[in-house]
């Protein structure tokens, strides 16, 4: 198995009813920034190879399960709350169902690390 990984921006498109639309939008937004200058600076400051730092970041944030869920932070919580608040302001069952679907999508990608039974 090769350890070579290409870091790239995600600029894909998706249909509005794509069950992973919220996740894809988040990936598209967050991959606009190049993380390597930060990791190179950290590497220089700590004398830890960049590859080891990349591996650490991936393990820390992508495979930590519930700890990663706690670390999603205020932006994700705010996006989730905005859906609920908008549905409540609208006051219709249709708006609440739409908010439920949006929250279901967000939670499905947040839950992904917990779905990996191997922990690999």
N, C-alpha and C. Protein backbone atom coordinates (compact mmCIF):
# COMPACT_ATOMS: atom_id res chain seq x y z
N UNK A 1 0.84 -1.17 0.00
CA UNK A 1 0.00 0.00 0.00
C UNK A 1 0.89 1.24 0.00
N UNK A 2 0.61 2.17 -0.86
CA UNK A 2 1.40 3.38 -0.99
C UNK A 2 0.99 4.40 0.06
N UNK A 3 1.98 5.13 0.57
CA UNK A 3 1.70 6.21 1.50
C UNK A 3 1.52 7.54 0.79
N UNK A 4 1.66 7.55 -0.54
CA UNK A 4 1.53 8.80 -1.29
C UNK A 4 0.07 9.24 -1.32
N UNK A 5 -0.14 10.47 -0.91
CA UNK A 5 -1.46 11.08 -0.92
C UNK A 5 -1.32 12.46 -1.54
N UNK A 6 -2.21 12.78 -2.43
CA UNK A 6 -2.19 14.09 -3.07
C UNK A 6 -3.23 14.98 -2.37
N UNK A 7 -2.77 16.08 -1.81
CA UNK A 7 -3.70 17.02 -1.19
C UNK A 7 -4.27 17.90 -2.30
N UNK A 8 -5.56 17.94 -2.41
CA UNK A 8 -6.18 18.70 -3.48
C UNK A 8 -7.44 19.40 -3.00
N UNK A 9 -7.80 20.45 -3.73
CA UNK A 9 -9.06 21.15 -3.46
C UNK A 9 -10.20 20.31 -4.01
N UNK A 10 -11.34 20.41 -3.37
CA UNK A 10 -12.53 19.77 -3.89
C UNK A 10 -13.40 20.85 -4.51
N UNK A 11 -13.62 20.73 -5.79
CA UNK A 11 -14.42 21.74 -6.50
C UNK A 11 -15.58 21.08 -7.24
N UNK A 12 -15.96 19.90 -6.79
CA UNK A 12 -17.03 19.17 -7.44
C UNK A 12 -18.37 19.88 -7.35
N UNK A 13 -19.30 19.35 -8.05
CA UNK A 13 -20.67 19.86 -7.97
C UNK A 13 -21.58 18.73 -7.52
N UNK A 14 -22.74 19.11 -7.05
CA UNK A 14 -23.67 18.10 -6.54
C UNK A 14 -25.09 18.62 -6.69
N UNK A 15 -25.99 17.69 -6.76
CA UNK A 15 -27.40 18.03 -6.87
C UNK A 15 -27.92 18.49 -5.51
N UNK A 16 -28.91 19.38 -5.50
CA UNK A 16 -29.46 19.84 -4.22
C UNK A 16 -30.00 18.71 -3.34
N UNK A 17 -30.45 17.62 -3.96
CA UNK A 17 -30.98 16.52 -3.17
C UNK A 17 -29.95 15.43 -2.88
N UNK A 18 -28.68 15.71 -3.18
CA UNK A 18 -27.60 14.77 -2.88
C UNK A 18 -27.57 14.56 -1.37
N UNK A 19 -27.62 13.32 -0.89
CA UNK A 19 -27.64 13.10 0.55
C UNK A 19 -26.36 13.58 1.25
N UNK A 20 -25.29 13.80 0.49
CA UNK A 20 -24.04 14.27 1.06
C UNK A 20 -23.76 15.73 0.72
N UNK A 21 -24.79 16.47 0.31
CA UNK A 21 -24.60 17.85 -0.14
C UNK A 21 -23.96 18.73 0.93
N UNK A 22 -24.40 18.63 2.16
CA UNK A 22 -23.83 19.46 3.23
C UNK A 22 -22.36 19.14 3.46
N UNK A 23 -22.03 17.88 3.45
CA UNK A 23 -20.63 17.47 3.63
C UNK A 23 -19.79 17.96 2.46
N UNK A 24 -20.28 17.78 1.24
CA UNK A 24 -19.53 18.22 0.06
C UNK A 24 -19.31 19.72 0.07
N UNK A 25 -20.31 20.47 0.48
CA UNK A 25 -20.17 21.92 0.56
C UNK A 25 -19.10 22.29 1.60
N UNK A 26 -19.08 21.59 2.72
CA UNK A 26 -18.10 21.86 3.76
C UNK A 26 -16.69 21.51 3.27
N UNK A 27 -16.56 20.38 2.57
CA UNK A 27 -15.25 19.99 2.02
C UNK A 27 -14.79 21.02 0.99
N UNK A 28 -15.68 21.45 0.12
CA UNK A 28 -15.33 22.46 -0.88
C UNK A 28 -14.86 23.75 -0.21
N UNK A 29 -15.54 24.16 0.85
CA UNK A 29 -15.17 25.39 1.55
C UNK A 29 -13.83 25.25 2.25
N UNK A 30 -13.64 24.17 2.98
CA UNK A 30 -12.44 24.02 3.79
C UNK A 30 -11.20 23.66 2.98
N UNK A 31 -11.36 23.09 1.81
CA UNK A 31 -10.18 22.74 1.01
C UNK A 31 -9.70 23.89 0.14
N UNK A 32 -10.32 25.06 0.29
CA UNK A 32 -9.82 26.24 -0.43
C UNK A 32 -8.47 26.68 0.14
N UNK A 33 -8.21 26.36 1.40
CA UNK A 33 -6.98 26.77 2.07
C UNK A 33 -5.95 25.66 1.97
N UNK A 34 -4.71 26.04 1.69
CA UNK A 34 -3.61 25.09 1.65
C UNK A 34 -3.06 24.91 3.07
N UNK A 35 -3.14 23.70 3.63
CA UNK A 35 -2.68 23.50 5.00
C UNK A 35 -1.16 23.36 5.12
N UNK A 36 -0.48 23.16 4.01
CA UNK A 36 0.95 22.86 4.10
C UNK A 36 1.82 23.98 4.64
N UNK A 37 1.57 25.26 4.35
CA UNK A 37 2.41 26.29 4.98
C UNK A 37 2.36 26.23 6.51
N UNK A 38 1.19 25.98 7.07
CA UNK A 38 1.07 25.86 8.52
C UNK A 38 1.82 24.64 9.03
N UNK A 39 1.68 23.52 8.33
CA UNK A 39 2.36 22.30 8.76
C UNK A 39 3.87 22.40 8.58
N UNK A 40 4.31 23.07 7.52
CA UNK A 40 5.76 23.27 7.34
C UNK A 40 6.34 24.13 8.46
N UNK A 41 5.63 25.18 8.83
CA UNK A 41 6.09 26.04 9.93
C UNK A 41 6.12 25.27 11.25
N UNK A 42 5.09 24.47 11.50
CA UNK A 42 5.07 23.66 12.71
C UNK A 42 6.20 22.64 12.69
N UNK A 43 6.45 22.07 11.53
CA UNK A 43 7.55 21.12 11.37
C UNK A 43 8.89 21.77 11.70
N UNK A 44 9.09 22.96 11.16
CA UNK A 44 10.34 23.68 11.42
C UNK A 44 10.49 24.02 12.90
N UNK A 45 9.39 24.37 13.54
CA UNK A 45 9.43 24.76 14.95
C UNK A 45 9.62 23.59 15.89
N UNK A 46 9.12 22.41 15.49
CA UNK A 46 9.15 21.26 16.40
C UNK A 46 10.12 20.16 15.99
N UNK A 47 10.65 20.30 14.78
CA UNK A 47 11.54 19.27 14.22
C UNK A 47 10.82 17.93 14.05
N UNK A 48 9.52 18.00 13.76
CA UNK A 48 8.73 16.81 13.44
C UNK A 48 8.50 16.85 11.93
N UNK A 49 8.76 15.76 11.22
CA UNK A 49 8.57 15.78 9.76
C UNK A 49 7.12 16.13 9.38
N UNK A 50 6.97 16.85 8.27
CA UNK A 50 5.65 17.25 7.78
C UNK A 50 4.74 16.03 7.61
N UNK A 51 5.27 14.95 7.07
CA UNK A 51 4.46 13.74 6.87
C UNK A 51 3.91 13.19 8.17
N UNK A 52 4.71 13.26 9.23
CA UNK A 52 4.24 12.80 10.54
C UNK A 52 3.14 13.72 11.07
N UNK A 53 3.27 15.01 10.81
CA UNK A 53 2.23 15.95 11.24
C UNK A 53 0.94 15.73 10.47
N UNK A 54 1.05 15.48 9.17
CA UNK A 54 -0.14 15.19 8.37
C UNK A 54 -0.82 13.94 8.91
N UNK A 55 -0.04 12.93 9.19
CA UNK A 55 -0.60 11.69 9.74
C UNK A 55 -1.28 11.96 11.08
N UNK A 56 -0.64 12.74 11.93
CA UNK A 56 -1.22 13.10 13.23
C UNK A 56 -2.56 13.81 13.06
N UNK A 57 -2.60 14.79 12.17
CA UNK A 57 -3.84 15.54 11.94
C UNK A 57 -4.94 14.59 11.47
N UNK A 58 -4.62 13.71 10.54
CA UNK A 58 -5.63 12.78 10.03
C UNK A 58 -6.13 11.85 11.12
N UNK A 59 -5.23 11.31 11.92
CA UNK A 59 -5.64 10.41 12.99
C UNK A 59 -6.43 11.18 14.04
N UNK A 60 -5.93 12.35 14.38
CA UNK A 60 -6.56 13.15 15.45
C UNK A 60 -7.97 13.57 15.08
N UNK A 61 -8.18 14.01 13.83
CA UNK A 61 -9.46 14.58 13.46
C UNK A 61 -10.35 13.65 12.65
N UNK A 62 -9.79 12.73 11.92
CA UNK A 62 -10.62 11.89 11.05
C UNK A 62 -10.99 10.56 11.68
N UNK A 63 -10.23 10.11 12.65
CA UNK A 63 -10.53 8.77 13.17
C UNK A 63 -10.66 8.72 14.68
N UNK A 64 -10.89 9.85 15.31
CA UNK A 64 -11.02 9.88 16.76
C UNK A 64 -12.46 9.71 17.23
N UNK A 65 -13.38 9.51 16.31
CA UNK A 65 -14.76 9.25 16.71
C UNK A 65 -15.38 10.38 17.49
N UNK A 66 -15.88 10.08 18.66
CA UNK A 66 -16.64 11.06 19.42
C UNK A 66 -15.81 12.28 19.81
N UNK A 67 -14.52 12.13 20.00
CA UNK A 67 -13.70 13.29 20.32
C UNK A 67 -13.70 14.26 19.15
N UNK A 68 -13.64 13.73 17.92
CA UNK A 68 -13.71 14.60 16.75
C UNK A 68 -15.08 15.27 16.66
N UNK A 69 -16.12 14.57 17.07
CA UNK A 69 -17.45 15.17 17.06
C UNK A 69 -17.51 16.37 17.99
N UNK A 70 -16.87 16.26 19.15
CA UNK A 70 -16.85 17.37 20.08
C UNK A 70 -16.04 18.55 19.54
N UNK A 71 -15.07 18.25 18.67
CA UNK A 71 -14.18 19.28 18.16
C UNK A 71 -14.70 19.97 16.90
N UNK A 72 -15.88 19.59 16.41
CA UNK A 72 -16.38 20.23 15.19
C UNK A 72 -16.59 21.71 15.41
N UNK A 73 -16.87 22.09 16.61
CA UNK A 73 -16.86 23.48 16.99
C UNK A 73 -18.08 24.29 16.64
N UNK A 74 -18.01 25.55 17.02
CA UNK A 74 -19.13 26.46 16.87
C UNK A 74 -19.66 26.61 15.43
N UNK A 75 -18.81 26.66 14.40
CA UNK A 75 -19.38 26.85 13.06
C UNK A 75 -20.38 25.75 12.66
N UNK A 76 -20.04 24.52 12.95
CA UNK A 76 -20.94 23.42 12.60
C UNK A 76 -22.19 23.46 13.45
N UNK A 77 -22.02 23.71 14.73
CA UNK A 77 -23.18 23.81 15.62
C UNK A 77 -24.09 24.96 15.16
N UNK A 78 -23.50 26.08 14.79
CA UNK A 78 -24.30 27.21 14.31
C UNK A 78 -25.05 26.87 13.03
N UNK A 79 -24.39 26.18 12.08
CA UNK A 79 -25.08 25.78 10.84
C UNK A 79 -26.26 24.87 11.17
N UNK A 80 -26.07 23.98 12.11
CA UNK A 80 -27.15 23.08 12.49
C UNK A 80 -28.29 23.87 13.15
N UNK A 81 -27.93 24.78 14.07
CA UNK A 81 -28.96 25.55 14.76
C UNK A 81 -29.72 26.45 13.80
N UNK A 82 -29.03 27.05 12.82
CA UNK A 82 -29.70 27.91 11.85
C UNK A 82 -30.83 27.17 11.13
N UNK A 83 -30.61 25.90 10.84
CA UNK A 83 -31.66 25.09 10.19
C UNK A 83 -32.87 24.96 11.09
N UNK A 84 -32.63 24.69 12.36
CA UNK A 84 -33.73 24.53 13.32
C UNK A 84 -34.46 25.86 13.51
N UNK A 85 -33.71 26.93 13.70
CA UNK A 85 -34.32 28.25 13.93
C UNK A 85 -35.16 28.69 12.73
N UNK A 86 -34.66 28.45 11.53
CA UNK A 86 -35.42 28.82 10.33
C UNK A 86 -36.71 28.02 10.24
N UNK A 87 -36.65 26.74 10.56
CA UNK A 87 -37.85 25.90 10.51
C UNK A 87 -38.86 26.35 11.56
N UNK A 88 -38.39 26.68 12.74
CA UNK A 88 -39.29 27.13 13.79
C UNK A 88 -39.91 28.48 13.43
N UNK A 89 -39.13 29.36 12.83
CA UNK A 89 -39.65 30.67 12.43
C UNK A 89 -40.72 30.51 11.35
N UNK A 90 -40.50 29.56 10.44
CA UNK A 90 -41.49 29.29 9.38
C UNK A 90 -42.74 28.67 9.98
N UNK A 91 -42.53 27.76 10.94
CA UNK A 91 -43.64 27.17 11.67
C UNK A 91 -44.44 26.11 10.93
N UNK A 92 -43.94 25.65 9.78
CA UNK A 92 -44.69 24.64 9.04
C UNK A 92 -44.04 23.27 9.18
N UNK A 93 -44.85 22.24 9.00
CA UNK A 93 -44.31 20.89 9.02
C UNK A 93 -43.32 20.69 7.88
N UNK A 94 -43.58 21.29 6.73
CA UNK A 94 -42.67 21.16 5.59
C UNK A 94 -41.29 21.74 5.92
N UNK A 95 -41.27 22.90 6.58
CA UNK A 95 -40.00 23.51 6.95
C UNK A 95 -39.27 22.67 7.99
N UNK A 96 -40.02 22.11 8.93
CA UNK A 96 -39.40 21.24 9.95
C UNK A 96 -38.84 19.97 9.31
N UNK A 97 -39.57 19.42 8.35
CA UNK A 97 -39.09 18.23 7.66
C UNK A 97 -37.82 18.54 6.86
N UNK A 98 -37.79 19.70 6.24
CA UNK A 98 -36.60 20.13 5.50
C UNK A 98 -35.41 20.29 6.46
N UNK A 99 -35.66 20.88 7.62
CA UNK A 99 -34.59 21.04 8.62
C UNK A 99 -34.12 19.68 9.12
N UNK A 100 -35.07 18.79 9.36
CA UNK A 100 -34.71 17.43 9.78
C UNK A 100 -33.78 16.78 8.76
N UNK A 101 -34.12 16.89 7.48
CA UNK A 101 -33.30 16.28 6.43
C UNK A 101 -31.90 16.89 6.40
N UNK A 102 -31.81 18.20 6.54
CA UNK A 102 -30.50 18.86 6.56
C UNK A 102 -29.68 18.40 7.76
N UNK A 103 -30.31 18.32 8.93
CA UNK A 103 -29.61 17.85 10.13
C UNK A 103 -29.21 16.39 10.00
N UNK A 104 -30.07 15.58 9.40
CA UNK A 104 -29.75 14.17 9.19
C UNK A 104 -28.49 14.04 8.34
N UNK A 105 -28.40 14.85 7.29
CA UNK A 105 -27.22 14.81 6.42
C UNK A 105 -25.97 15.23 7.19
N UNK A 106 -26.06 16.31 7.94
CA UNK A 106 -24.91 16.77 8.71
C UNK A 106 -24.46 15.71 9.72
N UNK A 107 -25.40 15.15 10.42
CA UNK A 107 -25.06 14.14 11.42
C UNK A 107 -24.52 12.87 10.77
N UNK A 108 -24.96 12.54 9.57
CA UNK A 108 -24.47 11.33 8.93
C UNK A 108 -22.98 11.45 8.62
N UNK A 109 -22.53 12.64 8.18
CA UNK A 109 -21.09 12.75 7.92
C UNK A 109 -20.30 12.97 9.20
N UNK A 110 -20.91 13.58 10.22
CA UNK A 110 -20.22 13.69 11.50
C UNK A 110 -20.06 12.33 12.16
N UNK A 111 -21.02 11.46 11.91
CA UNK A 111 -21.02 10.12 12.51
C UNK A 111 -20.09 9.15 11.79
N UNK A 112 -19.64 9.50 10.60
CA UNK A 112 -18.83 8.59 9.80
C UNK A 112 -17.68 7.94 10.56
N UNK A 113 -16.89 8.69 11.36
CA UNK A 113 -15.81 8.02 12.09
C UNK A 113 -16.32 6.94 13.03
N UNK A 114 -17.54 7.09 13.54
CA UNK A 114 -18.07 6.10 14.46
C UNK A 114 -18.56 4.85 13.75
N UNK A 115 -18.81 4.97 12.44
CA UNK A 115 -19.27 3.83 11.66
C UNK A 115 -18.16 2.83 11.36
N UNK A 116 -16.90 3.25 11.50
CA UNK A 116 -15.76 2.39 11.17
C UNK A 116 -15.49 1.47 12.34
N UNK A 117 -16.02 0.26 12.26
CA UNK A 117 -15.90 -0.70 13.36
C UNK A 117 -14.47 -1.17 13.58
N UNK A 118 -13.64 -1.11 12.51
CA UNK A 118 -12.25 -1.56 12.65
C UNK A 118 -11.38 -0.53 13.34
N UNK A 119 -11.84 0.73 13.33
CA UNK A 119 -11.01 1.79 13.88
C UNK A 119 -9.81 2.08 13.01
N UNK A 120 -9.84 1.59 11.77
CA UNK A 120 -8.69 1.76 10.87
C UNK A 120 -8.72 3.09 10.18
